[in-house]
Amino acid sequence: MTTESPRWAKSSYSNNGGDCIEVAPNLVPSRGVVPVRDSKDPDGPVLMLHPAAFAGLVEFARRAAV
């Protein structure tokens, strides 16, 4: 078991008035997941996405221009 802490980051495209997410990609190598959270609620729930699911989310957002 790893005790590595998530290092949260926002996209450089997130200057949109606060409607953004944060991700902790540093946990992919050690845990095999991409943690995702609402940047407005850092103590709220965290989604743990498989890297392929996260890539799908990014592609959806890109195509939907969300």
C-alpha atoms as a PDB file:
ATOM      1  CA  MET A   1       0.000   0.000   0.000  1.00  0.00           C
ATOM      2  CA  THR A   2       1.265   3.448  -0.879  1.00  0.00           C
ATOM      3  CA  THR A   3       0.966   6.545   1.267  1.00  0.00           C
ATOM      4  CA  GLU A   4       1.638   8.963  -1.561  1.00  0.00           C
ATOM      5  CA  SER A   5      -0.614  12.026  -1.361  1.00  0.00           C
ATOM      6  CA  PRO A   6      -2.436  13.423  -4.373  1.00  0.00           C
ATOM      7  CA  ARG A   7      -0.866  16.490  -5.956  1.00  0.00           C
ATOM      8  CA  TRP A   8      -3.906  18.343  -7.264  1.00  0.00           C
ATOM      9  CA  ALA A   9      -3.682  20.357 -10.478  1.00  0.00           C
ATOM     10  CA  LYS A  10      -6.074  22.349 -12.635  1.00  0.00           C
ATOM     11  CA  SER A  11      -5.940  22.643 -16.387  1.00  0.00           C
ATOM     12  CA  SER A  12      -4.376  25.757 -17.845  1.00  0.00           C
ATOM     13  CA  TYR A  13      -7.755  26.180 -19.596  1.00  0.00           C
ATOM     14  CA  SER A  14      -9.668  26.394 -16.294  1.00  0.00           C
ATOM     15  CA  ASN A  15      -9.931  30.178 -16.076  1.00  0.00           C
ATOM     16  CA  ASN A  16     -13.679  29.982 -16.766  1.00  0.00           C
ATOM     17  CA  GLY A  17     -15.266  31.403 -13.636  1.00  0.00           C
ATOM     18  CA  GLY A  18     -14.782  28.435 -11.343  1.00  0.00           C
ATOM     19  CA  ASP A  19     -16.519  25.609 -13.211  1.00  0.00           C
ATOM     20  CA  CYS A  20     -13.571  23.266 -13.291  1.00  0.00           C
ATOM     21  CA  ILE A  21     -12.142  20.082 -11.902  1.00  0.00           C
ATOM     22  CA  GLU A  22      -8.809  19.179 -10.411  1.00  0.00           C
ATOM     23  CA  VAL A  23      -6.911  15.973 -11.072  1.00  0.00           C
ATOM     24  CA  ALA A  24      -4.044  14.214  -9.325  1.00  0.00           C
ATOM     25  CA  PRO A  25      -2.198  12.431 -12.145  1.00  0.00           C
ATOM     26  CA  ASN A  26       0.736  11.626  -9.871  1.00  0.00           C
ATOM     27  CA  LEU A  27      -1.227   8.646  -8.506  1.00  0.00           C
ATOM     28  CA  VAL A  28      -1.536   6.852 -11.844  1.00  0.00           C
ATOM     29  CA  PRO A  29       1.804   4.991 -11.567  1.00  0.00           C
ATOM     30  CA  SER A  30       1.330   3.904  -7.941  1.00  0.00           C
ATOM     31  CA  ARG A  31      -2.439   3.311  -7.770  1.00  0.00           C
ATOM     32  CA  GLY A  32      -3.568   2.996 -11.372  1.00  0.00           C
ATOM     33  CA  VAL A  33      -6.267   5.663 -10.997  1.00  0.00           C
ATOM     34  CA  VAL A  34      -6.780   9.342 -11.788  1.00  0.00           C
ATOM     35  CA  PRO A  35      -8.450  11.070  -8.829  1.00  0.00           C
ATOM     36  CA  VAL A  36     -10.839  13.846  -9.926  1.00  0.00           C
ATOM     37  CA  ARG A  37     -12.583  16.426  -7.714  1.00  0.00           C
ATOM     38  CA  ASP A  38     -14.578  19.641  -7.941  1.00  0.00           C
ATOM     39  CA  SER A  39     -12.180  22.552  -7.479  1.00  0.00           C
ATOM     40  CA  LYS A  40     -14.842  24.485  -5.561  1.00  0.00           C
ATOM     41  CA  ASP A  41     -15.217  21.664  -3.005  1.00  0.00           C
ATOM     42  CA  PRO A  42     -11.713  20.345  -2.190  1.00  0.00           C
ATOM     43  CA  ASP A  43     -13.012  18.458   0.853  1.00  0.00           C
ATOM     44  CA  GLY A  44     -15.864  16.885  -1.095  1.00  0.00           C
ATOM     45  CA  PRO A  45     -16.053  13.543  -2.871  1.00  0.00           C
ATOM     46  CA  VAL A  46     -13.313  12.324  -5.182  1.00  0.00           C
ATOM     47  CA  LEU A  47     -13.926  10.188  -8.253  1.00  0.00           C
ATOM     48  CA  MET A  48     -11.274   7.556  -8.847  1.00  0.00           C
ATOM     49  CA  LEU A  49     -11.190   7.001 -12.604  1.00  0.00           C
ATOM     50  CA  HIS A  50      -9.272   4.391 -14.542  1.00  0.00           C
ATOM     51  CA  PRO A  51      -6.832   6.208 -16.873  1.00  0.00           C
ATOM     52  CA  ALA A  52      -8.817   5.077 -19.942  1.00  0.00           C
ATOM     53  CA  ALA A  53     -12.041   6.428 -18.413  1.00  0.00           C
ATOM     54  CA  PHE A  54     -10.334   9.737 -17.654  1.00  0.00           C
ATOM     55  CA  ALA A  55      -9.072   9.930 -21.236  1.00  0.00           C
ATOM     56  CA  GLY A  56     -12.658   9.353 -22.389  1.00  0.00           C
ATOM     57  CA  LEU A  57     -13.885  12.157 -20.121  1.00  0.00           C
ATOM     58  CA  VAL A  58     -11.281  14.529 -21.546  1.00  0.00           C
ATOM     59  CA  GLU A  59     -12.208  13.567 -25.114  1.00  0.00           C
ATOM     60  CA  PHE A  60     -15.917  14.089 -24.346  1.00  0.00           C
ATOM     61  CA  ALA A  61     -15.230  17.540 -22.900  1.00  0.00           C
ATOM     62  CA  ARG A  62     -13.072  18.436 -25.889  1.00  0.00           C
ATOM     63  CA  ARG A  63     -15.770  17.432 -28.375  1.00  0.00           C
ATOM     64  CA  ALA A  64     -18.624  18.977 -26.379  1.00  0.00           C
ATOM     65  CA  ALA A  65     -16.603  22.188 -25.824  1.00  0.00           C
ATOM     66  CA  VAL A  66     -17.696  22.182 -22.197  1.00  0.00           C
END
